[in-house]
Amino acid sequence: MGKVERIVFLSLVLDLFAFTIPLPLFPRIIEWYTVREISDPNGLLSRTLRFVSAVRGIFYKPPQNSQRWDVVFLGGLMGSAFSTLQFLVSPHIGSLSDNYGRRNVLLVSMIGNILSALIWIQSTTFASYMLSRVIGGLSEGNVQLATAILSDVSTPANRSKALAHVGIAFAICFCIGPPIGAYFASRPIPLFVEALQMELNVYAAPALLTLVLLIAETLFLIVALPETRNIQPDKSEVNVNEKSKAASAVRSVQERTEVLRLLRKLHFLFLGIFSGVEFTLTFLTFDLFDWNNKQNGALIGSIGVISALLQGGYVRRAISKVGEGKMAQRGVSSCALGLVFLTILPHFVSTQPKIAVGLLQAAAVCLAFTSATVVSSLTAHASLQCDEGFDEDTGKPIVKYPELAKGKALGEFRSSGQLGRAIGPLLACASYWTFGPSVTYAVSALAMLTLSASMKTVAVLPGKSSR
């Protein structure tokens, strides 16, 4: 791992650690606001919950705990709102990084993240808490800028290995962030904060930890991260895969633009289906197994651990031989198999619960493989379509075609995935409430199989199609 790659990886760990801390707290935060604001029928939370209840009532009327379902669904809506903001802002962040530098735009985005955490600490109303989420959604550019930076400092031959660090950081932080967030949620706030005599959010302690991590990340980036927009990768690495480089060089602009368009479509469709599966998985364990938060945490944590091991031990080594498109296709097929297991599972819960749990575990392994492969492979494939040329005299990058500039192209690619993440959980919840888990996962499995079959055009080694 090169110096810049280490810096980016460590900053991603800090950033994603901070991002995952509040994930398990959403339902409890909403419950806290509900108690505080239940007497105000015109407040933002009361009006939002009435809307959620009306929408849920169209699809599903639970025999009991209807308010609990509404709180869970509202948590999904909050996540959807965050993804929608990312969908809107990601292309602009990418274009700004092309014009003003990755480092500069990343540091500006960190200011927004820090402001979001500060508002969370003091958010005693649901409206102020949503303000912190909106600011965070508009500011979160770390992942896409990390992808652009790693693309800047890596050659086409080792691009996939470099970008695998993003997936590894995700897997690590989704293992440790939520449990630590839950732990600090039960801890008292530090005395120096209490001494300020301000009214604070019920989860001010995890919010403060998030703030500390974001400040530490910002200081680390100021000191350690160089500007990479004009960095030419080490020439000694350029000849690692001469055939791949030569093949990609002869692609026309139209061909590369068309591949990017196809990859954006695949990214949107995949995350639209996959995010729905992720979100409803806890519905499934709640509905059928009556699992508690600790058991759900163990399930999600195990998926993260397996995903991290696969990223570091298999994907980084095999992708140069298999190819980015083929690796992504394998991940989509693995997800389809996992969904088949989830489709069958409900039929064994009451009669053979051990088989049902075994099917859930098998599905978790399949989903872990999917998490380890698809997004990182598609991202690497997208980055390979961008302009890679450098001026021989100045050493600066040559961007002949604005639509193929790395920041802009990768920002649009990420934007398409975030739109899928915004829509997927809502559609999956509506299907789950209306038709039940078996139908929902069966339709999703069929959609994933169809998506896998449609990926034949990209499931080739870079450049193979141009020969």
Protein backbone atom coordinates (compact mmCIF):
# COMPACT_ATOMS: atom_id res chain seq x y z
CA MET A 1 0.00 0.00 0.00
CA GLY A 2 1.47 3.34 -1.08
CA LYS A 3 1.69 6.42 1.13
CA VAL A 4 -1.37 8.17 -0.30
CA GLU A 5 -3.34 4.91 -0.20
CA ARG A 6 -2.53 4.53 3.51
CA ILE A 7 -3.59 8.11 4.20
CA VAL A 8 -6.87 7.67 2.33
CA PHE A 9 -7.59 4.34 4.01
CA LEU A 10 -7.00 5.74 7.53
CA SER A 11 -9.12 8.81 6.80
CA LEU A 12 -11.91 6.59 5.46
CA VAL A 13 -11.81 4.47 8.62
CA LEU A 14 -12.21 7.61 10.75
CA ASP A 15 -14.95 8.98 8.52
CA LEU A 16 -16.97 5.77 8.18
CA PHE A 17 -16.51 5.05 11.88
CA ALA A 18 -18.17 8.41 12.57
CA PHE A 19 -20.84 7.71 9.92
CA THR A 20 -21.84 4.30 11.34
CA ILE A 21 -22.04 5.32 15.01
CA PRO A 22 -25.62 6.75 14.79
CA LEU A 23 -27.05 3.95 12.62
CA PRO A 24 -28.46 1.77 15.45
CA LEU A 25 -29.76 4.84 17.31
CA PHE A 26 -32.35 6.09 14.81
CA PRO A 27 -35.41 4.29 16.29
CA ARG A 28 -34.56 5.34 19.86
CA ILE A 29 -33.86 8.92 18.78
CA ILE A 30 -37.27 9.12 17.11
CA GLU A 31 -38.94 7.63 20.20
CA TRP A 32 -37.23 10.26 22.36
CA TYR A 33 -38.47 13.05 20.11
CA THR A 34 -41.94 11.49 20.05
CA VAL A 35 -42.18 11.66 23.85
CA ARG A 36 -40.97 15.27 23.85
CA GLU A 37 -43.14 16.51 20.99
CA ILE A 38 -46.25 14.31 21.18
CA SER A 39 -48.25 17.20 22.64
CA ASP A 40 -47.56 19.39 19.60
CA PRO A 41 -49.75 18.06 16.74
CA ASN A 42 -48.39 20.70 14.38
CA GLY A 43 -44.72 19.88 14.98
CA LEU A 44 -42.58 18.39 12.23
CA LEU A 45 -42.35 14.98 13.90
CA SER A 46 -46.11 14.67 14.55
CA ARG A 47 -46.92 15.60 10.96
CA THR A 48 -44.26 13.23 9.60
CA LEU A 49 -45.47 10.32 11.71
CA ARG A 50 -49.06 10.91 10.60
CA PHE A 51 -47.90 10.77 7.00
CA VAL A 52 -45.89 7.58 7.64
CA SER A 53 -48.83 5.98 9.43
CA ALA A 54 -51.18 6.82 6.55
CA VAL A 55 -48.79 5.38 3.98
CA ARG A 56 -48.13 2.26 6.06
CA GLY A 57 -51.86 1.77 6.57
CA ILE A 58 -52.35 1.47 2.82
CA PHE A 59 -50.03 -1.53 2.69
CA TYR A 60 -49.99 -3.10 6.12
CA LYS A 61 -51.99 -3.06 9.37
CA PRO A 62 -49.96 -4.82 12.07
CA PRO A 63 -51.99 -6.55 14.80
CA GLN A 64 -49.96 -4.73 17.45
CA ASN A 65 -47.13 -2.23 17.92
CA SER A 66 -48.18 -0.17 14.88
CA GLN A 67 -46.29 2.84 16.26
CA ARG A 68 -43.12 0.75 16.44
CA TRP A 69 -43.43 -0.10 12.75
CA ASP A 70 -43.96 3.58 11.94
CA VAL A 71 -40.82 4.53 13.87
CA VAL A 72 -38.79 1.92 12.00
CA PHE A 73 -40.14 3.09 8.67
CA LEU A 74 -39.43 6.72 9.58
CA GLY A 75 -35.83 5.66 10.24
CA GLY A 76 -35.79 4.27 6.70
CA LEU A 77 -37.17 7.53 5.36
CA MET A 78 -34.41 9.42 7.14
CA GLY A 79 -31.83 7.19 5.47
CA SER A 80 -33.60 7.66 2.14
CA ALA A 81 -33.48 11.44 2.54
CA PHE A 82 -29.73 11.26 3.19
CA SER A 83 -29.22 9.17 0.02
CA THR A 84 -31.41 11.52 -2.01
CA LEU A 85 -29.24 14.46 -0.99
CA GLN A 86 -26.16 12.47 -1.97
CA PHE A 87 -27.76 11.74 -5.34
CA LEU A 88 -28.20 15.48 -5.91
CA VAL A 89 -24.83 16.70 -4.69
CA SER A 90 -22.35 13.97 -5.73
CA PRO A 91 -21.89 15.08 -9.38
CA HIS A 92 -21.22 18.67 -8.27
CA ILE A 93 -18.67 17.57 -5.64
CA GLY A 94 -16.90 15.54 -8.32
CA SER A 95 -16.82 18.45 -10.79
CA LEU A 96 -15.56 20.85 -8.13
CA SER A 97 -12.73 18.44 -7.30
CA ASP A 98 -11.74 18.38 -10.99
CA ASN A 99 -11.56 22.18 -11.05
CA TYR A 100 -10.24 23.04 -7.56
CA GLY A 101 -8.48 19.88 -6.39
CA ARG A 102 -9.54 16.79 -4.44
CA ARG A 103 -7.88 17.91 -1.19
CA ASN A 104 -9.49 21.35 -1.13
CA VAL A 105 -13.00 20.06 -1.80
CA LEU A 106 -12.54 17.25 0.73
CA LEU A 107 -11.53 19.69 3.47
CA VAL A 108 -14.53 21.92 2.70
CA SER A 109 -16.84 18.89 2.93
CA MET A 110 -15.31 18.07 6.33
CA ILE A 111 -16.44 21.46 7.61
CA GLY A 112 -20.01 20.51 6.73
CA ASN A 113 -19.64 17.14 8.46
CA ILE A 114 -18.34 18.79 11.62
CA LEU A 115 -21.21 21.31 11.58
CA SER A 116 -23.66 18.42 11.23
CA ALA A 117 -22.23 16.71 14.34
CA LEU A 118 -22.31 19.97 16.32
CA ILE A 119 -26.00 20.45 15.53
CA TRP A 120 -26.73 16.83 16.48
CA ILE A 121 -25.18 17.33 19.93
CA GLN A 122 -27.55 20.23 20.62
CA SER A 123 -30.61 19.01 18.68
CA THR A 124 -33.43 18.88 21.19
CA THR A 125 -36.14 19.03 18.50
CA PHE A 126 -36.79 16.69 15.61
CA ALA A 127 -36.53 19.61 13.19
CA SER A 128 -33.02 20.51 14.39
CA TYR A 129 -31.95 16.87 14.21
CA MET A 130 -33.20 16.64 10.61
CA LEU A 131 -31.25 19.83 9.88
CA SER A 132 -28.08 18.05 11.01
CA ARG A 133 -28.93 15.11 8.69
CA VAL A 134 -29.55 17.46 5.75
CA ILE A 135 -26.22 19.22 6.28
CA GLY A 136 -24.51 15.86 6.58
CA GLY A 137 -26.13 14.58 3.38
CA LEU A 138 -25.05 17.65 1.43
CA SER A 139 -21.51 17.55 2.85
CA GLU A 140 -20.64 13.86 2.69
CA GLY A 141 -18.16 13.66 -0.16
CA ASN A 142 -15.46 11.60 1.52
CA VAL A 143 -16.14 8.26 -0.13
CA GLN A 144 -16.41 9.55 -3.68
CA LEU A 145 -13.39 11.84 -3.26
CA ALA A 146 -11.40 8.98 -1.74
CA THR A 147 -12.29 6.96 -4.85
CA ALA A 148 -11.12 9.80 -7.11
CA ILE A 149 -7.87 10.18 -5.13
CA LEU A 150 -7.10 6.47 -5.30
CA SER A 151 -7.84 6.58 -9.03
CA ASP A 152 -5.42 9.51 -9.40
CA VAL A 153 -2.50 7.70 -7.75
CA SER A 154 -3.03 4.23 -9.25
CA THR A 155 -2.45 2.89 -12.73
CA PRO A 156 -5.20 1.12 -14.68
CA ALA A 157 -3.46 -2.17 -13.93
CA ASN A 158 -3.64 -1.80 -10.12
CA ARG A 159 -6.78 0.36 -9.92
CA SER A 160 -9.02 -2.40 -8.59
CA LYS A 161 -6.57 -3.31 -5.82
CA ALA A 162 -6.35 0.34 -4.76
CA LEU A 163 -10.12 0.83 -4.72
CA ALA A 164 -10.59 -2.35 -2.69
CA HIS A 165 -9.38 -0.31 0.30
CA VAL A 166 -12.69 1.60 0.19
CA GLY A 167 -14.66 -1.63 0.55
CA ILE A 168 -12.39 -2.89 3.33
CA ALA A 169 -12.85 0.36 5.26
CA PHE A 170 -16.63 0.07 4.87
CA ALA A 171 -16.64 -3.53 6.10
CA ILE A 172 -14.44 -2.75 9.13
CA CYS A 173 -16.45 0.28 10.20
CA PHE A 174 -19.84 -1.37 9.78
CA CYS A 175 -18.57 -4.06 12.16
CA ILE A 176 -17.34 -1.73 14.90
CA GLY A 177 -19.26 1.53 14.44
CA PRO A 178 -22.83 0.48 15.33
CA PRO A 179 -21.86 -1.51 18.48
CA ILE A 180 -19.69 1.35 19.74
CA GLY A 181 -22.49 3.81 18.99
CA ALA A 182 -24.87 1.65 21.03
CA TYR A 183 -22.33 1.42 23.88
CA PHE A 184 -21.77 5.18 24.12
CA ALA A 185 -25.52 5.76 23.90
CA SER A 186 -25.76 4.39 27.43
CA ARG A 187 -22.80 6.40 28.75
CA PRO A 188 -23.12 9.79 30.47
CA ILE A 189 -21.82 12.86 28.71
CA PRO A 190 -18.37 14.11 29.82
CA LEU A 191 -18.31 16.51 32.76
CA PHE A 192 -16.76 19.37 30.79
CA VAL A 193 -19.72 19.26 28.36
CA GLU A 194 -22.24 19.03 31.19
CA ALA A 195 -20.58 22.04 32.80
CA LEU A 196 -21.65 24.18 29.83
CA GLN A 197 -25.24 23.82 31.11
CA MET A 198 -26.74 23.44 27.65
CA GLU A 199 -29.74 21.30 26.82
CA LEU A 200 -28.38 18.39 24.81
CA ASN A 201 -29.60 15.55 22.64
CA VAL A 202 -30.32 12.32 24.49
CA TYR A 203 -27.42 10.76 22.57
CA ALA A 204 -25.00 13.63 23.03
CA ALA A 205 -22.24 11.17 24.06
CA PRO A 206 -22.11 9.27 20.72
CA ALA A 207 -22.63 12.59 18.92
CA LEU A 208 -19.61 13.99 20.73
CA LEU A 209 -17.57 10.91 19.78
CA THR A 210 -18.61 11.46 16.15
CA LEU A 211 -17.48 15.09 16.40
CA VAL A 212 -14.09 14.09 17.84
CA LEU A 213 -13.53 11.55 15.05
CA LEU A 214 -14.43 14.09 12.36
CA ILE A 215 -12.13 16.74 13.83
CA ALA A 216 -9.31 14.18 14.08
CA GLU A 217 -9.90 13.19 10.45
CA THR A 218 -9.83 16.82 9.31
CA LEU A 219 -6.57 17.55 11.12
CA PHE A 220 -5.05 14.35 9.75
CA LEU A 221 -6.03 15.31 6.19
CA ILE A 222 -4.63 18.84 6.58
CA VAL A 223 -1.27 17.48 7.73
CA ALA A 224 -0.90 14.32 5.66
CA LEU A 225 -2.91 14.41 2.42
CA PRO A 226 -1.26 15.92 -0.67
CA GLU A 227 -3.18 17.17 -3.69
CA THR A 228 -3.46 14.28 -6.15
CA ARG A 229 -5.30 15.82 -9.10
CA ASN A 230 -2.03 16.49 -10.93
CA ILE A 231 -0.10 13.45 -9.68
CA GLN A 232 1.10 10.99 -12.30
CA PRO A 233 1.20 7.36 -11.09
CA ASP A 234 4.58 5.76 -10.67
CA LYS A 235 5.81 4.90 -14.17
CA SER A 236 7.46 1.75 -12.87
CA GLU A 237 3.97 0.33 -12.33
CA VAL A 238 2.56 1.24 -15.71
CA ASN A 239 3.84 -1.88 -17.44
CA VAL A 240 2.36 -4.33 -14.97
CA ASN A 241 -0.43 -5.09 -17.41
CA GLU A 242 0.59 -3.70 -20.78
CA LYS A 243 -2.21 -5.42 -22.66
CA SER A 244 -4.90 -3.93 -20.47
CA LYS A 245 -3.41 -0.46 -20.82
CA ALA A 246 -3.04 -0.66 -24.58
CA ALA A 247 -6.54 -1.99 -25.04
CA SER A 248 -8.18 0.71 -22.97
CA ALA A 249 -6.17 3.36 -24.79
CA VAL A 250 -7.76 2.51 -28.15
CA ARG A 251 -11.33 2.83 -26.89
CA SER A 252 -13.18 5.71 -28.48
CA VAL A 253 -14.76 8.46 -26.40
CA GLN A 254 -18.18 7.26 -27.48
CA GLU A 255 -17.41 3.70 -26.34
CA ARG A 256 -16.14 4.81 -22.94
CA THR A 257 -19.09 7.17 -22.46
CA GLU A 258 -21.48 4.35 -23.32
CA VAL A 259 -19.76 2.01 -20.83
CA LEU A 260 -20.06 4.66 -18.11
CA ARG A 261 -23.76 5.07 -18.89
CA LEU A 262 -24.27 1.31 -18.63
CA LEU A 263 -22.31 1.12 -15.36
CA ARG A 264 -24.40 3.92 -13.85
CA LYS A 265 -27.56 2.04 -14.80
CA LEU A 266 -26.24 -1.20 -13.27
CA HIS A 267 -25.16 0.64 -10.12
CA PHE A 268 -28.61 2.17 -9.72
CA LEU A 269 -30.47 -1.11 -10.29
CA PHE A 270 -28.18 -3.17 -8.09
CA LEU A 271 -28.24 -0.82 -5.09
CA GLY A 272 -31.97 -0.29 -5.53
CA ILE A 273 -32.53 -4.02 -4.99
CA PHE A 274 -29.70 -4.67 -2.54
CA SER A 275 -30.46 -1.75 -0.22
CA GLY A 276 -34.05 -2.98 0.03
CA VAL A 277 -32.77 -6.40 1.09
CA GLU A 278 -30.45 -4.82 3.68
CA PHE A 279 -33.21 -2.71 5.17
CA THR A 280 -35.85 -5.44 5.38
CA LEU A 281 -33.47 -8.05 6.81
CA THR A 282 -34.08 -6.72 10.32
CA PHE A 283 -37.84 -6.80 9.62
CA LEU A 284 -37.43 -10.48 8.82
CA THR A 285 -35.56 -11.36 12.01
CA PHE A 286 -37.99 -9.25 14.08
CA ASP A 287 -41.04 -10.80 12.41
CA LEU A 288 -40.05 -14.45 12.25
CA PHE A 289 -37.40 -15.00 14.93
CA ASP A 290 -38.22 -12.24 17.44
CA TRP A 291 -34.52 -11.36 17.59
CA ASN A 292 -33.29 -8.54 19.81
CA ASN A 293 -30.83 -5.78 18.95
CA LYS A 294 -27.85 -7.83 20.11
CA GLN A 295 -28.72 -10.76 17.84
CA ASN A 296 -29.32 -8.46 14.88
CA GLY A 297 -26.03 -6.73 15.58
CA ALA A 298 -24.23 -10.07 15.58
CA LEU A 299 -25.80 -10.95 12.22
CA ILE A 300 -24.86 -7.64 10.61
CA GLY A 301 -21.42 -7.74 12.21
CA SER A 302 -20.75 -11.23 10.84
CA ILE A 303 -21.65 -10.03 7.34
CA GLY A 304 -19.16 -7.18 7.76
CA VAL A 305 -16.38 -9.45 9.03
CA ILE A 306 -16.80 -11.95 6.18
CA SER A 307 -16.96 -9.09 3.67
CA ALA A 308 -13.73 -7.56 4.98
CA LEU A 309 -11.93 -10.92 4.85
CA LEU A 310 -13.12 -11.50 1.29
CA GLN A 311 -12.09 -8.00 0.23
CA GLY A 312 -8.58 -8.33 1.61
CA GLY A 313 -7.99 -12.02 1.00
CA TYR A 314 -9.77 -12.78 -2.26
CA VAL A 315 -11.03 -9.79 -4.24
CA ARG A 316 -7.75 -7.80 -4.27
CA ARG A 317 -5.83 -10.84 -5.51
CA ALA A 318 -8.33 -12.31 -7.96
CA ILE A 319 -9.80 -9.25 -9.65
CA SER A 320 -6.82 -8.66 -11.95
CA LYS A 321 -7.29 -12.19 -13.32
CA VAL A 322 -11.08 -12.30 -13.30
CA GLY A 323 -11.79 -8.74 -14.41
CA GLU A 324 -13.90 -6.03 -12.81
CA GLY A 325 -17.07 -6.78 -14.73
CA LYS A 326 -16.93 -10.52 -14.15
CA MET A 327 -16.26 -10.05 -10.43
CA ALA A 328 -19.27 -7.73 -10.16
CA GLN A 329 -21.42 -10.26 -12.01
CA ARG A 330 -20.37 -13.00 -9.57
CA GLY A 331 -21.40 -10.78 -6.67
CA VAL A 332 -24.81 -10.10 -8.19
CA SER A 333 -25.32 -13.84 -8.75
CA SER A 334 -24.33 -14.50 -5.14
CA CYS A 335 -26.96 -12.01 -4.00
CA ALA A 336 -29.59 -13.79 -6.10
CA LEU A 337 -28.68 -17.08 -4.39
CA GLY A 338 -28.92 -15.45 -0.95
CA LEU A 339 -32.35 -14.10 -1.84
CA VAL A 340 -33.47 -17.60 -2.82
CA PHE A 341 -32.48 -18.76 0.68
CA LEU A 342 -34.47 -15.89 2.21
CA THR A 343 -37.46 -16.77 0.02
CA ILE A 344 -37.51 -20.35 1.32
CA LEU A 345 -36.74 -19.45 4.95
CA PRO A 346 -40.24 -18.43 6.17
CA HIS A 347 -41.65 -21.87 5.33
CA PHE A 348 -39.35 -23.55 7.88
CA VAL A 349 -39.61 -21.14 10.82
CA SER A 350 -42.49 -22.82 12.63
CA THR A 351 -41.75 -26.45 11.70
CA GLN A 352 -37.95 -26.67 11.49
CA PRO A 353 -36.42 -23.55 13.08
CA LYS A 354 -32.83 -24.88 12.88
CA ILE A 355 -33.12 -25.14 9.10
CA ALA A 356 -34.57 -21.62 9.01
CA VAL A 357 -31.60 -20.23 10.96
CA GLY A 358 -29.22 -22.17 8.71
CA LEU A 359 -30.83 -20.62 5.63
CA LEU A 360 -30.46 -17.18 7.21
CA GLN A 361 -26.77 -17.83 7.85
CA ALA A 362 -26.23 -19.09 4.31
CA ALA A 363 -27.95 -15.97 2.96
CA ALA A 364 -25.70 -13.81 5.16
CA VAL A 365 -22.58 -15.41 3.61
CA CYS A 366 -23.94 -14.78 0.11
CA LEU A 367 -24.72 -11.15 0.95
CA ALA A 368 -21.23 -10.73 2.44
CA PHE A 369 -19.69 -11.89 -0.86
CA THR A 370 -21.95 -9.43 -2.67
CA SER A 371 -20.88 -6.58 -0.37
CA ALA A 372 -17.23 -7.45 -0.99
CA THR A 373 -17.43 -7.48 -4.76
CA VAL A 374 -20.10 -5.57 -6.63
CA VAL A 375 -19.78 -1.87 -5.79
CA SER A 376 -15.97 -1.83 -5.61
CA SER A 377 -15.69 -3.74 -8.91
CA LEU A 378 -18.18 -1.52 -10.73
CA THR A 379 -16.44 1.58 -9.35
CA ALA A 380 -13.06 0.35 -10.56
CA HIS A 381 -14.56 -0.44 -13.97
CA ALA A 382 -16.04 3.08 -14.13
CA SER A 383 -12.72 4.71 -13.22
CA LEU A 384 -10.98 2.85 -16.04
CA GLN A 385 -13.17 4.67 -18.56
CA CYS A 386 -11.91 8.09 -17.43
CA ASP A 387 -9.11 10.09 -19.03
CA GLU A 388 -5.71 8.73 -17.97
CA GLY A 389 -3.35 10.71 -20.20
CA PHE A 390 -0.53 12.95 -18.94
CA ASP A 391 1.40 15.68 -20.73
CA GLU A 392 4.97 14.46 -21.28
CA ASP A 393 6.47 17.91 -20.61
CA THR A 394 4.48 19.15 -17.61
CA GLY A 395 3.41 15.78 -16.15
CA LYS A 396 -0.10 17.17 -15.64
CA PRO A 397 -3.19 15.18 -16.57
CA ILE A 398 -4.79 15.76 -19.95
CA VAL A 399 -8.56 15.93 -19.81
CA LYS A 400 -9.67 16.12 -23.41
CA TYR A 401 -13.30 15.34 -22.70
CA PRO A 402 -15.03 16.91 -19.65
CA GLU A 403 -17.52 14.05 -19.41
CA LEU A 404 -14.58 11.67 -18.84
CA ALA A 405 -12.91 13.72 -16.09
CA LYS A 406 -12.48 11.46 -13.07
CA GLY A 407 -14.19 13.61 -10.48
CA LYS A 408 -17.24 14.31 -12.62
CA ALA A 409 -17.58 10.77 -13.99
CA LEU A 410 -17.15 9.07 -10.62
CA GLY A 411 -19.46 11.60 -8.97
CA GLU A 412 -22.21 10.78 -11.46
CA PHE A 413 -21.55 7.07 -10.94
CA ARG A 414 -21.93 7.42 -7.16
CA SER A 415 -25.01 9.60 -7.64
CA SER A 416 -26.78 6.84 -9.55
CA GLY A 417 -26.13 4.38 -6.73
CA GLN A 418 -27.38 6.82 -4.10
CA LEU A 419 -30.64 7.21 -6.04
CA GLY A 420 -31.02 3.43 -5.84
CA ARG A 421 -30.37 3.56 -2.09
CA ALA A 422 -33.03 6.25 -1.72
CA ILE A 423 -35.74 4.32 -3.58
CA GLY A 424 -34.93 0.68 -2.78
CA PRO A 425 -35.78 0.51 0.95
CA LEU A 426 -39.13 2.27 0.43
CA LEU A 427 -40.21 -0.12 -2.32
CA ALA A 428 -38.97 -3.14 -0.37
CA CYS A 429 -40.88 -2.07 2.75
CA ALA A 430 -44.07 -1.54 0.78
CA SER A 431 -43.71 -4.99 -0.80
CA TYR A 432 -42.86 -6.62 2.54
CA TRP A 433 -45.93 -5.13 4.23
CA THR A 434 -48.24 -5.92 1.30
CA PHE A 435 -47.11 -9.33 0.05
CA GLY A 436 -44.88 -10.69 2.82
CA PRO A 437 -41.21 -11.76 2.89
CA SER A 438 -41.33 -14.77 0.54
CA VAL A 439 -42.87 -12.85 -2.36
CA THR A 440 -40.64 -9.83 -1.73
CA TYR A 441 -37.42 -11.84 -1.76
CA ALA A 442 -38.54 -14.05 -4.65
CA VAL A 443 -39.19 -11.00 -6.84
CA SER A 444 -35.85 -9.52 -5.71
CA ALA A 445 -34.05 -12.79 -6.54
CA LEU A 446 -35.58 -12.80 -10.01
CA ALA A 447 -34.55 -9.16 -10.48
CA MET A 448 -30.97 -9.97 -9.42
CA LEU A 449 -30.81 -12.95 -11.78
CA THR A 450 -32.04 -10.76 -14.63
CA LEU A 451 -29.48 -8.11 -13.72
CA SER A 452 -26.70 -10.72 -13.63
CA ALA A 453 -27.69 -11.98 -17.09
CA SER A 454 -27.69 -8.42 -18.44
CA MET A 455 -24.10 -7.88 -17.24
CA LYS A 456 -22.55 -10.06 -19.95
CA THR A 457 -21.51 -6.96 -21.88
CA VAL A 458 -19.39 -5.70 -18.98
CA ALA A 459 -18.34 -9.10 -17.58
CA VAL A 460 -15.10 -9.13 -19.58
CA LEU A 461 -11.54 -8.09 -18.83
CA PRO A 462 -10.84 -4.42 -19.63
CA GLY A 463 -10.16 -4.05 -23.32
CA LYS A 464 -11.23 -7.51 -24.36
CA SER A 465 -14.18 -6.12 -26.27
CA SER A 466 -11.95 -3.79 -28.29
CA ARG A 467 -9.79 -6.51 -29.82
